[in-house]
Each structure stands twice: as C-alpha cells, then as structure tokens.
Amino acid sequence: MCIVLDYIEKYPLRTKQILGISYEQLRSLTESSGIKHKELEKIKENQKVRINAAGGGRPQKLSFSEQIVLCLFYLRQMPSFEILGMLFGISKTEANDNFHYWRKIIRDILPAS
C-alpha cells in the first residue's frame, strides 16, 4: 500500500484535510468509480482485436482505491508528478497516466458545480 492511503486508513478523520472529502465520501467515490472503471474496461475489451490471451502483461502496482487517492491527493495538494510518484511508489509517468485516467472518471461521477 501507499503511504497516503495507509495514513488515511489509520486516521480516517484526517481524510478531509488530506483529500478535501470525508472518509465516507471517499469510500462512496471509490465504489462508484470502480463500477465506472469496470464498465469502461468492458467496452475497451470488446473493441480490441486480441492476439494474446487476456490477462497478459505487467500487473498494476496500485489498487483502484490507491489510484483514486492518488488523483484526489494531486487535486488537493498539487505536488509535482515526481513527488506524487515517490509517495505512491510508482514512476512519475505512471503517476501522470493514473491521474489523467481517473480524473476523467471522477469528472463523470462528480460534475463541476
């Protein structure tokens, strides 16, 4: 697990200070984002022309909840992607890719006010 999510799990009352939303809202957002992610993956999988069997490739280092926390942490704290990658144990490129992927999903779930 990543440092940020470990801290949030240990001190759930501090979630609002770190991410800008409460712990309950984070759990709800994680569930709804996971559902939306699975829908997008299903659509993408149906459009693929497969040469190799499904399930190949390198597994992701971060879980769905860690990726969502990464996106929310970036939006709240605005660190560089280098620092974000260090905090979550991934490269800056992977941090950038994760942020931009989950930002679109979160934007669909939580439209701008």
PDB file of N, CA and C in Angstrom:
ATOM      1  N   MET A   1       0.826  -1.191   0.000  1.00  0.00           N
ATOM      2  CA  MET A   1       0.000   0.000   0.000  1.00  0.00           C
ATOM      3  C   MET A   1       0.870   1.254   0.000  1.00  0.00           C
ATOM      4  N   CYS A   2       0.249   2.348  -0.344  1.00  0.00           N
ATOM      5  CA  CYS A   2       0.990   3.602  -0.397  1.00  0.00           C
ATOM      6  C   CYS A   2       0.925   4.313   0.949  1.00  0.00           C
ATOM      7  N   ILE A   3       1.822   5.232   1.141  1.00  0.00           N
ATOM      8  CA  ILE A   3       1.938   5.978   2.400  1.00  0.00           C
ATOM      9  C   ILE A   3       0.664   6.760   2.690  1.00  0.00           C
ATOM     10  N   VAL A   4       0.124   7.421   1.685  1.00  0.00           N
ATOM     11  CA  VAL A   4      -1.042   8.284   1.870  1.00  0.00           C
ATOM     12  C   VAL A   4      -2.264   7.464   2.267  1.00  0.00           C
ATOM     13  N   LEU A   5      -2.523   6.364   1.563  1.00  0.00           N
ATOM     14  CA  LEU A   5      -3.693   5.541   1.880  1.00  0.00           C
ATOM     15  C   LEU A   5      -3.525   4.852   3.231  1.00  0.00           C
ATOM     16  N   ASP A   6      -2.316   4.437   3.567  1.00  0.00           N
ATOM     17  CA  ASP A   6      -2.065   3.868   4.900  1.00  0.00           C
ATOM     18  C   ASP A   6      -2.419   4.877   5.984  1.00  0.00           C
ATOM     19  N   TYR A   7      -2.011   6.112   5.789  1.00  0.00           N
ATOM     20  CA  TYR A   7      -2.279   7.164   6.773  1.00  0.00           C
ATOM     21  C   TYR A   7      -3.779   7.421   6.890  1.00  0.00           C
ATOM     22  N   ILE A   8      -4.466   7.440   5.759  1.00  0.00           N
ATOM     23  CA  ILE A   8      -5.910   7.667   5.770  1.00  0.00           C
ATOM     24  C   ILE A   8      -6.639   6.521   6.458  1.00  0.00           C
ATOM     25  N   GLU A   9      -6.203   5.298   6.203  1.00  0.00           N
ATOM     26  CA  GLU A   9      -6.827   4.146   6.859  1.00  0.00           C
ATOM     27  C   GLU A   9      -6.574   4.169   8.371  1.00  0.00           C
ATOM     28  N   LYS A  10      -5.415   4.657   8.763  1.00  0.00           N
ATOM     29  CA  LYS A  10      -5.074   4.717  10.189  1.00  0.00           C
ATOM     30  C   LYS A  10      -5.803   5.869  10.887  1.00  0.00           C
ATOM     31  N   TYR A  11      -5.923   7.001  10.210  1.00  0.00           N
ATOM     32  CA  TYR A  11      -6.575   8.190  10.771  1.00  0.00           C
ATOM     33  C   TYR A  11      -7.676   8.670   9.813  1.00  0.00           C
ATOM     34  N   PRO A  12      -8.829   7.998   9.785  1.00  0.00           N
ATOM     35  CA  PRO A  12      -9.881   8.373   8.825  1.00  0.00           C
ATOM     36  C   PRO A  12     -10.456   9.769   9.028  1.00  0.00           C
ATOM     37  N   LEU A  13     -10.359  10.316  10.222  1.00  0.00           N
ATOM     38  CA  LEU A  13     -10.896  11.660  10.453  1.00  0.00           C
ATOM     39  C   LEU A  13     -10.064  12.750   9.782  1.00  0.00           C
ATOM     40  N   ARG A  14      -8.836  12.435   9.405  1.00  0.00           N
ATOM     41  CA  ARG A  14      -7.966  13.420   8.748  1.00  0.00           C
ATOM     42  C   ARG A  14      -8.083  13.393   7.222  1.00  0.00           C
ATOM     43  N   THR A  15      -8.975  12.567   6.708  1.00  0.00           N
ATOM     44  CA  THR A  15      -9.155  12.450   5.255  1.00  0.00           C
ATOM     45  C   THR A  15      -9.555  13.781   4.634  1.00  0.00           C
ATOM     46  N   LYS A  16     -10.415  14.515   5.313  1.00  0.00           N
ATOM     47  CA  LYS A  16     -10.882  15.806   4.802  1.00  0.00           C
ATOM     48  C   LYS A  16      -9.714  16.783   4.627  1.00  0.00           C
ATOM     49  N   GLN A  17      -8.761  16.764   5.541  1.00  0.00           N
ATOM     50  CA  GLN A  17      -7.609  17.662   5.449  1.00  0.00           C
ATOM     51  C   GLN A  17      -6.672  17.263   4.313  1.00  0.00           C
ATOM     52  N   ILE A  18      -6.560  15.966   4.077  1.00  0.00           N
ATOM     53  CA  ILE A  18      -5.605  15.480   3.082  1.00  0.00           C
ATOM     54  C   ILE A  18      -6.186  15.514   1.669  1.00  0.00           C
ATOM     55  N   LEU A  19      -7.440  15.063   1.520  1.00  0.00           N
ATOM     56  CA  LEU A  19      -8.031  14.916   0.192  1.00  0.00           C
ATOM     57  C   LEU A  19      -9.139  15.914  -0.115  1.00  0.00           C
ATOM     58  N   GLY A  20      -9.665  16.577   0.908  1.00  0.00           N
ATOM     59  CA  GLY A  20     -10.728  17.539   0.686  1.00  0.00           C
ATOM     60  C   GLY A  20     -12.122  16.939   0.762  1.00  0.00           C
ATOM     61  N   ILE A  21     -12.223  15.628   1.011  1.00  0.00           N
ATOM     62  CA  ILE A  21     -13.523  14.974   1.184  1.00  0.00           C
ATOM     63  C   ILE A  21     -13.451  14.095   2.429  1.00  0.00           C
ATOM     64  N   SER A  22     -14.609  13.753   2.973  1.00  0.00           N
ATOM     65  CA  SER A  22     -14.632  12.920   4.184  1.00  0.00           C
ATOM     66  C   SER A  22     -14.316  11.467   3.831  1.00  0.00           C
ATOM     67  N   TYR A  23     -14.054  10.684   4.850  1.00  0.00           N
ATOM     68  CA  TYR A  23     -13.724   9.267   4.655  1.00  0.00           C
ATOM     69  C   TYR A  23     -14.904   8.527   4.027  1.00  0.00           C
ATOM     70  N   GLU A  24     -16.123   8.825   4.461  1.00  0.00           N
ATOM     71  CA  GLU A  24     -17.315   8.178   3.915  1.00  0.00           C
ATOM     72  C   GLU A  24     -17.495   8.542   2.440  1.00  0.00           C
ATOM     73  N   GLN A  25     -17.238   9.802   2.108  1.00  0.00           N
ATOM     74  CA  GLN A  25     -17.329  10.237   0.716  1.00  0.00           C
ATOM     75  C   GLN A  25     -16.265   9.543  -0.135  1.00  0.00           C
ATOM     76  N   LEU A  26     -15.081   9.342   0.435  1.00  0.00           N
ATOM     77  CA  LEU A  26     -14.010   8.633  -0.272  1.00  0.00           C
ATOM     78  C   LEU A  26     -14.433   7.203  -0.567  1.00  0.00           C
ATOM     79  N   ARG A  27     -15.003   6.526   0.408  1.00  0.00           N
ATOM     80  CA  ARG A  27     -15.470   5.145   0.213  1.00  0.00           C
ATOM     81  C   ARG A  27     -16.548   5.096  -0.868  1.00  0.00           C
ATOM     82  N   SER A  28     -17.484   6.019  -0.820  1.00  0.00           N
ATOM     83  CA  SER A  28     -18.558   6.065  -1.811  1.00  0.00           C
ATOM     84  C   SER A  28     -18.005   6.342  -3.207  1.00  0.00           C
ATOM     85  N   LEU A  29     -17.078   7.284  -3.292  1.00  0.00           N
ATOM     86  CA  LEU A  29     -16.456   7.619  -4.572  1.00  0.00           C
ATOM     87  C   LEU A  29     -15.658   6.439  -5.111  1.00  0.00           C
ATOM     88  N   THR A  30     -14.968   5.727  -4.252  1.00  0.00           N
ATOM     89  CA  THR A  30     -14.198   4.560  -4.661  1.00  0.00           C
ATOM     90  C   THR A  30     -15.115   3.490  -5.245  1.00  0.00           C
ATOM     91  N   GLU A  31     -16.241   3.242  -4.599  1.00  0.00           N
ATOM     92  CA  GLU A  31     -17.186   2.233  -5.097  1.00  0.00           C
ATOM     93  C   GLU A  31     -17.760   2.626  -6.455  1.00  0.00           C
ATOM     94  N   SER A  32     -18.237   3.856  -6.582  1.00  0.00           N
ATOM     95  CA  SER A  32     -18.841   4.284  -7.838  1.00  0.00           C
ATOM     96  C   SER A  32     -17.795   4.401  -8.958  1.00  0.00           C
ATOM     97  N   SER A  33     -16.579   4.804  -8.616  1.00  0.00           N
ATOM     98  CA  SER A  33     -15.507   4.884  -9.623  1.00  0.00           C
ATOM     99  C   SER A  33     -15.101   3.490 -10.090  1.00  0.00           C
ATOM    100  N   GLY A  34     -15.089   2.536  -9.179  1.00  0.00           N
ATOM    101  CA  GLY A  34     -14.767   1.156  -9.542  1.00  0.00           C
ATOM    102  C   GLY A  34     -15.780   0.590 -10.521  1.00  0.00           C
ATOM    103  N   ILE A  35     -17.047   0.893 -10.307  1.00  0.00           N
ATOM    104  CA  ILE A  35     -18.104   0.431 -11.217  1.00  0.00           C
ATOM    105  C   ILE A  35     -17.931   1.064 -12.590  1.00  0.00           C
ATOM    106  N   LYS A  36     -17.686   2.365 -12.618  1.00  0.00           N
ATOM    107  CA  LYS A  36     -17.480   3.079 -13.891  1.00  0.00           C
ATOM    108  C   LYS A  36     -16.239   2.557 -14.613  1.00  0.00           C
ATOM    109  N   HIS A  37     -15.177   2.274 -13.854  1.00  0.00           N
ATOM    110  CA  HIS A  37     -13.938   1.745 -14.437  1.00  0.00           C
ATOM    111  C   HIS A  37     -14.187   0.387 -15.089  1.00  0.00           C
ATOM    112  N   LYS A  38     -14.946  -0.477 -14.423  1.00  0.00           N
ATOM    113  CA  LYS A  38     -15.240  -1.800 -14.978  1.00  0.00           C
ATOM    114  C   LYS A  38     -16.074  -1.686 -16.246  1.00  0.00           C
ATOM    115  N   GLU A  39     -17.000  -0.738 -16.285  1.00  0.00           N
ATOM    116  CA  GLU A  39     -17.786  -0.512 -17.497  1.00  0.00           C
ATOM    117  C   GLU A  39     -16.888  -0.079 -18.660  1.00  0.00           C
ATOM    118  N   LEU A  40     -15.972   0.862 -18.392  1.00  0.00           N
ATOM    119  CA  LEU A  40     -15.059   1.332 -19.436  1.00  0.00           C
ATOM    120  C   LEU A  40     -14.133   0.218 -19.906  1.00  0.00           C
ATOM    121  N   GLU A  41     -13.654  -0.600 -18.973  1.00  0.00           N
ATOM    122  CA  GLU A  41     -12.780  -1.724 -19.331  1.00  0.00           C
ATOM    123  C   GLU A  41     -13.525  -2.735 -20.206  1.00  0.00           C
ATOM    124  N   LYS A  42     -14.788  -2.986 -19.895  1.00  0.00           N
ATOM    125  CA  LYS A  42     -15.594  -3.924 -20.683  1.00  0.00           C
ATOM    126  C   LYS A  42     -15.775  -3.411 -22.105  1.00  0.00           C
ATOM    127  N   ILE A  43     -16.059  -2.115 -22.232  1.00  0.00           N
ATOM    128  CA  ILE A  43     -16.218  -1.511 -23.561  1.00  0.00           C
ATOM    129  C   ILE A  43     -14.910  -1.584 -24.341  1.00  0.00           C
ATOM    130  N   LYS A  44     -13.807  -1.251 -23.672  1.00  0.00           N
ATOM    131  CA  LYS A  44     -12.497  -1.286 -24.325  1.00  0.00           C
ATOM    132  C   LYS A  44     -12.117  -2.710 -24.733  1.00  0.00           C
ATOM    133  N   GLU A  45     -12.455  -3.675 -23.894  1.00  0.00           N
ATOM    134  CA  GLU A  45     -12.134  -5.079 -24.180  1.00  0.00           C
ATOM    135  C   GLU A  45     -12.915  -5.589 -25.391  1.00  0.00           C
ATOM    136  N   ASN A  46     -14.167  -5.169 -25.538  1.00  0.00           N
ATOM    137  CA  ASN A  46     -14.977  -5.599 -26.674  1.00  0.00           C
ATOM    138  C   ASN A  46     -14.491  -5.007 -27.988  1.00  0.00           C
ATOM    139  N   GLN A  47     -13.793  -3.882 -27.941  1.00  0.00           N
ATOM    140  CA  GLN A  47     -13.296  -3.229 -29.151  1.00  0.00           C
ATOM    141  C   GLN A  47     -11.925  -3.747 -29.581  1.00  0.00           C
ATOM    142  N   LYS A  48     -11.251  -4.500 -28.714  1.00  0.00           N
ATOM    143  CA  LYS A  48      -9.901  -4.970 -29.008  1.00  0.00           C
ATOM    144  C   LYS A  48      -9.906  -6.132 -30.002  1.00  0.00           C
ATOM    145  N   VAL A  49      -8.857  -6.173 -30.788  1.00  0.00           N
ATOM    146  CA  VAL A  49      -8.572  -7.344 -31.601  1.00  0.00           C
ATOM    147  C   VAL A  49      -7.411  -8.033 -30.904  1.00  0.00           C
ATOM    148  N   ARG A  50      -7.698  -9.188 -30.298  1.00  0.00           N
ATOM    149  CA  ARG A  50      -6.705  -9.862 -29.463  1.00  0.00           C
ATOM    150  C   ARG A  50      -5.805 -10.790 -30.259  1.00  0.00           C
ATOM    151  N   ILE A  51      -4.523 -10.680 -29.984  1.00  0.00           N
ATOM    152  CA  ILE A  51      -3.540 -11.628 -30.488  1.00  0.00           C
ATOM    153  C   ILE A  51      -3.131 -12.536 -29.332  1.00  0.00           C
ATOM    154  N   ASN A  52      -2.896 -11.939 -28.180  1.00  0.00           N
ATOM    155  CA  ASN A  52      -2.534 -12.685 -26.975  1.00  0.00           C
ATOM    156  C   ASN A  52      -3.765 -12.894 -26.103  1.00  0.00           C
ATOM    157  N   ALA A  53      -3.672 -13.864 -25.224  1.00  0.00           N
ATOM    158  CA  ALA A  53      -4.785 -14.153 -24.317  1.00  0.00           C
ATOM    159  C   ALA A  53      -4.959 -13.020 -23.311  1.00  0.00           C
ATOM    160  N   ALA A  54      -6.192 -12.855 -22.821  1.00  0.00           N
ATOM    161  CA  ALA A  54      -6.476 -11.820 -21.823  1.00  0.00           C
ATOM    162  C   ALA A  54      -5.728 -12.130 -20.534  1.00  0.00           C
ATOM    163  N   GLY A  55      -5.339 -11.087 -19.825  1.00  0.00           N
ATOM    164  CA  GLY A  55      -4.647 -11.267 -18.552  1.00  0.00           C
ATOM    165  C   GLY A  55      -3.135 -11.196 -18.658  1.00  0.00           C
ATOM    166  N   GLY A  56      -2.618 -11.010 -19.851  1.00  0.00           N
ATOM    167  CA  GLY A  56      -1.175 -10.895 -20.028  1.00  0.00           C
ATOM    168  C   GLY A  56      -0.702  -9.493 -19.686  1.00  0.00           C
ATOM    169  N   GLY A  57       0.581  -9.322 -19.611  1.00  0.00           N
ATOM    170  CA  GLY A  57       1.134  -8.004 -19.329  1.00  0.00           C
ATOM    171  C   GLY A  57       1.519  -7.840 -17.870  1.00  0.00           C
ATOM    172  N   ARG A  58       2.096  -6.699 -17.577  1.00  0.00           N
ATOM    173  CA  ARG A  58       2.554  -6.412 -16.225  1.00  0.00           C
ATOM    174  C   ARG A  58       1.371  -6.006 -15.358  1.00  0.00           C
ATOM    175  N   PRO A  59       1.270  -6.574 -14.161  1.00  0.00           N
ATOM    176  CA  PRO A  59       0.174  -6.170 -13.268  1.00  0.00           C
ATOM    177  C   PRO A  59       0.401  -4.747 -12.745  1.00  0.00           C
ATOM    178  N   GLN A  60      -0.697  -4.074 -12.428  1.00  0.00           N
ATOM    179  CA  GLN A  60      -0.589  -2.721 -11.910  1.00  0.00           C
ATOM    180  C   GLN A  60      -0.054  -2.732 -10.486  1.00  0.00           C
ATOM    181  N   LYS A  61       0.731  -1.722 -10.153  1.00  0.00           N
ATOM    182  CA  LYS A  61       1.310  -1.632  -8.807  1.00  0.00           C
ATOM    183  C   LYS A  61       0.308  -1.120  -7.784  1.00  0.00           C
ATOM    184  N   LEU A  62      -0.632  -0.284  -8.219  1.00  0.00           N
ATOM    185  CA  LEU A  62      -1.588   0.329  -7.308  1.00  0.00           C
ATOM    186  C   LEU A  62      -2.979  -0.269  -7.498  1.00  0.00           C
ATOM    187  N   SER A  63      -3.698  -0.419  -6.404  1.00  0.00           N
ATOM    188  CA  SER A  63      -5.083  -0.868  -6.478  1.00  0.00           C
ATOM    189  C   SER A  63      -5.966   0.291  -6.952  1.00  0.00           C
ATOM    190  N   PHE A  64      -7.243  -0.005  -7.227  1.00  0.00           N
ATOM    191  CA  PHE A  64      -8.164   1.050  -7.660  1.00  0.00           C
ATOM    192  C   PHE A  64      -8.255   2.157  -6.624  1.00  0.00           C
ATOM    193  N   SER A  65      -8.404   1.777  -5.367  1.00  0.00           N
ATOM    194  CA  SER A  65      -8.550   2.800  -4.325  1.00  0.00           C
ATOM    195  C   SER A  65      -7.286   3.648  -4.208  1.00  0.00           C
ATOM    196  N   GLU A  66      -6.115   3.040  -4.364  1.00  0.00           N
ATOM    197  CA  GLU A  66      -4.873   3.807  -4.317  1.00  0.00           C
ATOM    198  C   GLU A  66      -4.778   4.774  -5.494  1.00  0.00           C
ATOM    199  N   GLN A  67      -5.237   4.354  -6.653  1.00  0.00           N
ATOM    200  CA  GLN A  67      -5.204   5.222  -7.817  1.00  0.00           C
ATOM    201  C   GLN A  67      -6.161   6.404  -7.659  1.00  0.00           C
ATOM    202  N   ILE A  68      -7.314   6.153  -7.073  1.00  0.00           N
ATOM    203  CA  ILE A  68      -8.275   7.233  -6.838  1.00  0.00           C
ATOM    204  C   ILE A  68      -7.727   8.213  -5.807  1.00  0.00           C
ATOM    205  N   VAL A  69      -7.108   7.689  -4.750  1.00  0.00           N
ATOM    206  CA  VAL A  69      -6.498   8.552  -3.734  1.00  0.00           C
ATOM    207  C   VAL A  69      -5.376   9.372  -4.361  1.00  0.00           C
ATOM    208  N   LEU A  70      -4.601   8.772  -5.260  1.00  0.00           N
ATOM    209  CA  LEU A  70      -3.545   9.500  -5.968  1.00  0.00           C
ATOM    210  C   LEU A  70      -4.141  10.688  -6.713  1.00  0.00           C
ATOM    211  N   CYS A  71      -5.221  10.475  -7.423  1.00  0.00           N
ATOM    212  CA  CYS A  71      -5.863  11.547  -8.189  1.00  0.00           C
ATOM    213  C   CYS A  71      -6.375  12.647  -7.261  1.00  0.00           C
ATOM    214  N   LEU A  72      -7.068  12.260  -6.203  1.00  0.00           N
ATOM    215  CA  LEU A  72      -7.609  13.252  -5.274  1.00  0.00           C
ATOM    216  C   LEU A  72      -6.503  13.993  -4.531  1.00  0.00           C
ATOM    217  N   PHE A  73      -5.427  13.273  -4.172  1.00  0.00           N
ATOM    218  CA  PHE A  73      -4.293  13.894  -3.487  1.00  0.00           C
ATOM    219  C   PHE A  73      -3.649  14.945  -4.382  1.00  0.00           C
ATOM    220  N   TYR A  74      -3.501  14.625  -5.668  1.00  0.00           N
ATOM    221  CA  TYR A  74      -2.920  15.590  -6.594  1.00  0.00           C
ATOM    222  C   TYR A  74      -3.803  16.837  -6.706  1.00  0.00           C
ATOM    223  N   LEU A  75      -5.113  16.632  -6.838  1.00  0.00           N
ATOM    224  CA  LEU A  75      -6.020  17.766  -6.984  1.00  0.00           C
ATOM    225  C   LEU A  75      -6.019  18.653  -5.746  1.00  0.00           C
ATOM    226  N   ARG A  76      -5.853  18.074  -4.576  1.00  0.00           N
ATOM    227  CA  ARG A  76      -5.888  18.847  -3.324  1.00  0.00           C
ATOM    228  C   ARG A  76      -4.546  19.506  -3.028  1.00  0.00           C
ATOM    229  N   GLN A  77      -3.444  18.761  -3.174  1.00  0.00           N
ATOM    230  CA  GLN A  77      -2.124  19.227  -2.734  1.00  0.00           C
ATOM    231  C   GLN A  77      -1.256  19.801  -3.858  1.00  0.00           C
ATOM    232  N   MET A  78      -1.496  19.408  -5.091  1.00  0.00           N
ATOM    233  CA  MET A  78      -0.749  19.856  -6.273  1.00  0.00           C
ATOM    234  C   MET A  78       0.776  19.648  -6.188  1.00  0.00           C
ATOM    235  N   PRO A  79       1.214  18.438  -5.812  1.00  0.00           N
ATOM    236  CA  PRO A  79       2.658  18.195  -5.859  1.00  0.00           C
ATOM    237  C   PRO A  79       3.079  17.924  -7.310  1.00  0.00           C
ATOM    238  N   SER A  80       4.366  17.917  -7.568  1.00  0.00           N
ATOM    239  CA  SER A  80       4.810  17.531  -8.905  1.00  0.00           C
ATOM    240  C   SER A  80       4.576  16.019  -9.058  1.00  0.00           C
ATOM    241  N   PHE A  81       4.544  15.547 -10.288  1.00  0.00           N
ATOM    242  CA  PHE A  81       4.323  14.122 -10.506  1.00  0.00           C
ATOM    243  C   PHE A  81       5.508  13.302 -10.010  1.00  0.00           C
ATOM    244  N   GLU A  82       6.664  13.898  -9.953  1.00  0.00           N
ATOM    245  CA  GLU A  82       7.844  13.227  -9.377  1.00  0.00           C
ATOM    246  C   GLU A  82       7.596  12.915  -7.900  1.00  0.00           C
ATOM    247  N   ILE A  83       7.138  13.908  -7.148  1.00  0.00           N
ATOM    248  CA  ILE A  83       6.841  13.728  -5.720  1.00  0.00           C
ATOM    249  C   ILE A  83       5.663  12.782  -5.540  1.00  0.00           C
ATOM    250  N   LEU A  84       4.645  12.926  -6.375  1.00  0.00           N
ATOM    251  CA  LEU A  84       3.476  12.055  -6.305  1.00  0.00           C
ATOM    252  C   LEU A  84       3.879  10.597  -6.533  1.00  0.00           C
ATOM    253  N   GLY A  85       4.735  10.369  -7.502  1.00  0.00           N
ATOM    254  CA  GLY A  85       5.232   9.017  -7.761  1.00  0.00           C
ATOM    255  C   GLY A  85       6.024   8.467  -6.589  1.00  0.00           C
ATOM    256  N   MET A  86       6.828   9.313  -5.950  1.00  0.00           N
ATOM    257  CA  MET A  86       7.599   8.865  -4.787  1.00  0.00           C
ATOM    258  C   MET A  86       6.679   8.481  -3.635  1.00  0.00           C
ATOM    259  N   LEU A  87       5.632   9.256  -3.393  1.00  0.00           N
ATOM    260  CA  LEU A  87       4.705   8.976  -2.301  1.00  0.00           C
ATOM    261  C   LEU A  87       3.931   7.681  -2.519  1.00  0.00           C
ATOM    262  N   PHE A  88       3.625   7.375  -3.775  1.00  0.00           N
ATOM    263  CA  PHE A  88       2.807   6.206  -4.081  1.00  0.00           C
ATOM    264  C   PHE A  88       3.632   5.014  -4.583  1.00  0.00           C
ATOM    265  N   GLY A  89       4.945   5.174  -4.676  1.00  0.00           N
ATOM    266  CA  GLY A  89       5.813   4.059  -5.053  1.00  0.00           C
ATOM    267  C   GLY A  89       5.753   3.686  -6.520  1.00  0.00           C
ATOM    268  N   ILE A  90       5.543   4.686  -7.388  1.00  0.00           N
ATOM    269  CA  ILE A  90       5.498   4.446  -8.829  1.00  0.00           C
ATOM    270  C   ILE A  90       6.324   5.523  -9.529  1.00  0.00           C
ATOM    271  N   SER A  91       6.472   5.383 -10.841  1.00  0.00           N
ATOM    272  CA  SER A  91       7.231   6.391 -11.589  1.00  0.00           C
ATOM    273  C   SER A  91       6.379   7.631 -11.818  1.00  0.00           C
ATOM    274  N   LYS A  92       7.039   8.724 -12.196  1.00  0.00           N
ATOM    275  CA  LYS A  92       6.302   9.966 -12.450  1.00  0.00           C
ATOM    276  C   LYS A  92       5.385   9.819 -13.664  1.00  0.00           C
ATOM    277  N   THR A  93       5.799   9.036 -14.649  1.00  0.00           N
ATOM    278  CA  THR A  93       4.966   8.808 -15.826  1.00  0.00           C
ATOM    279  C   THR A  93       3.718   8.025 -15.466  1.00  0.00           C
ATOM    280  N   GLU A  94       3.886   6.999 -14.649  1.00  0.00           N
ATOM    281  CA  GLU A  94       2.741   6.209 -14.215  1.00  0.00           C
ATOM    282  C   GLU A  94       1.798   7.041 -13.343  1.00  0.00           C
ATOM    283  N   ALA A  95       2.354   7.917 -12.508  1.00  0.00           N
ATOM    284  CA  ALA A  95       1.529   8.814 -11.694  1.00  0.00           C
ATOM    285  C   ALA A  95       0.724   9.746 -12.597  1.00  0.00           C
ATOM    286  N   ASN A  96       1.353  10.281 -13.614  1.00  0.00           N
ATOM    287  CA  ASN A  96       0.686  11.158 -14.569  1.00  0.00           C
ATOM    288  C   ASN A  96      -0.431  10.409 -15.302  1.00  0.00           C
ATOM    289  N   ASP A  97      -0.139   9.203 -15.783  1.00  0.00           N
ATOM    290  CA  ASP A  97      -1.142   8.420 -16.503  1.00  0.00           C
ATOM    291  C   ASP A  97      -2.325   8.066 -15.603  1.00  0.00           C
ATOM    292  N   ASN A  98      -2.037   7.648 -14.375  1.00  0.00           N
ATOM    293  CA  ASN A  98      -3.105   7.308 -13.434  1.00  0.00           C
ATOM    294  C   ASN A  98      -3.973   8.531 -13.138  1.00  0.00           C
ATOM    295  N   PHE A  99      -3.343   9.666 -12.905  1.00  0.00           N
ATOM    296  CA  PHE A  99      -4.097  10.884 -12.607  1.00  0.00           C
ATOM    297  C   PHE A  99      -5.051  11.229 -13.736  1.00  0.00           C
ATOM    298  N   HIS A 100      -4.544  11.256 -14.958  1.00  0.00           N
ATOM    299  CA  HIS A 100      -5.377  11.668 -16.080  1.00  0.00           C
ATOM    300  C   HIS A 100      -6.488  10.660 -16.387  1.00  0.00           C
ATOM    301  N   TYR A 101      -6.241   9.366 -16.169  1.00  0.00           N
ATOM    302  CA  TYR A 101      -7.280   8.357 -16.374  1.00  0.00           C
ATOM    303  C   TYR A 101      -8.407   8.521 -15.358  1.00  0.00           C
ATOM    304  N   TRP A 102      -8.048   8.600 -14.073  1.00  0.00           N
ATOM    305  CA  TRP A 102      -9.070   8.670 -13.024  1.00  0.00           C
ATOM    306  C   TRP A 102      -9.736  10.040 -12.955  1.00  0.00           C
ATOM    307  N   ARG A 103      -9.077  11.090 -13.414  1.00  0.00           N
ATOM    308  CA  ARG A 103      -9.687  12.415 -13.438  1.00  0.00           C
ATOM    309  C   ARG A 103     -10.917  12.418 -14.337  1.00  0.00           C
ATOM    310  N   LYS A 104     -10.824  11.743 -15.470  1.00  0.00           N
ATOM    311  CA  LYS A 104     -11.961  11.669 -16.382  1.00  0.00           C
ATOM    312  C   LYS A 104     -13.133  10.922 -15.739  1.00  0.00           C
ATOM    313  N   ILE A 105     -12.840   9.835 -15.073  1.00  0.00           N
ATOM    314  CA  ILE A 105     -13.897   9.048 -14.430  1.00  0.00           C
ATOM    315  C   ILE A 105     -14.536   9.836 -13.298  1.00  0.00           C
ATOM    316  N   ILE A 106     -13.722  10.467 -12.466  1.00  0.00           N
ATOM    317  CA  ILE A 106     -14.250  11.243 -11.339  1.00  0.00           C
ATOM    318  C   ILE A 106     -15.045  12.436 -11.859  1.00  0.00           C
ATOM    319  N   ARG A 107     -14.606  13.015 -12.941  1.00  0.00           N
ATOM    320  CA  ARG A 107     -15.330  14.152 -13.545  1.00  0.00           C
ATOM    321  C   ARG A 107     -16.726  13.723 -14.005  1.00  0.00           C
ATOM    322  N   ASP A 108     -16.835  12.496 -14.554  1.00  0.00           N
ATOM    323  CA  ASP A 108     -18.150  11.988 -14.970  1.00  0.00           C
ATOM    324  C   ASP A 108     -19.063  11.732 -13.771  1.00  0.00           C
ATOM    325  N   ILE A 109     -18.480  11.225 -12.694  1.00  0.00           N
ATOM    326  CA  ILE A 109     -19.272  10.900 -11.493  1.00  0.00           C
ATOM    327  C   ILE A 109     -19.647  12.168 -10.734  1.00  0.00           C
ATOM    328  N   LEU A 110     -18.697  13.081 -10.593  1.00  0.00           N
ATOM    329  CA  LEU A 110     -18.921  14.328  -9.859  1.00  0.00           C
ATOM    330  C   LEU A 110     -18.772  15.509 -10.810  1.00  0.00           C
ATOM    331  N   PRO A 111     -19.834  15.905 -11.497  1.00  0.00           N
ATOM    332  CA  PRO A 111     -19.703  17.024 -12.444  1.00  0.00           C
ATOM    333  C   PRO A 111     -19.365  18.330 -11.704  1.00  0.00           C
ATOM    334  N   ALA A 112     -18.829  19.265 -12.451  1.00  0.00           N
ATOM    335  CA  ALA A 112     -18.431  20.551 -11.877  1.00  0.00           C
ATOM    336  C   ALA A 112     -19.652  21.275 -11.321  1.00  0.00           C
ATOM    337  N   SER A 113     -19.441  22.009 -10.234  1.00  0.00           N
ATOM    338  CA  SER A 113     -20.571  22.715  -9.603  1.00  0.00           C
ATOM    339  C   SER A 113     -20.855  24.027 -10.304  1.00  0.00           C
TER     340      SER A 113
END
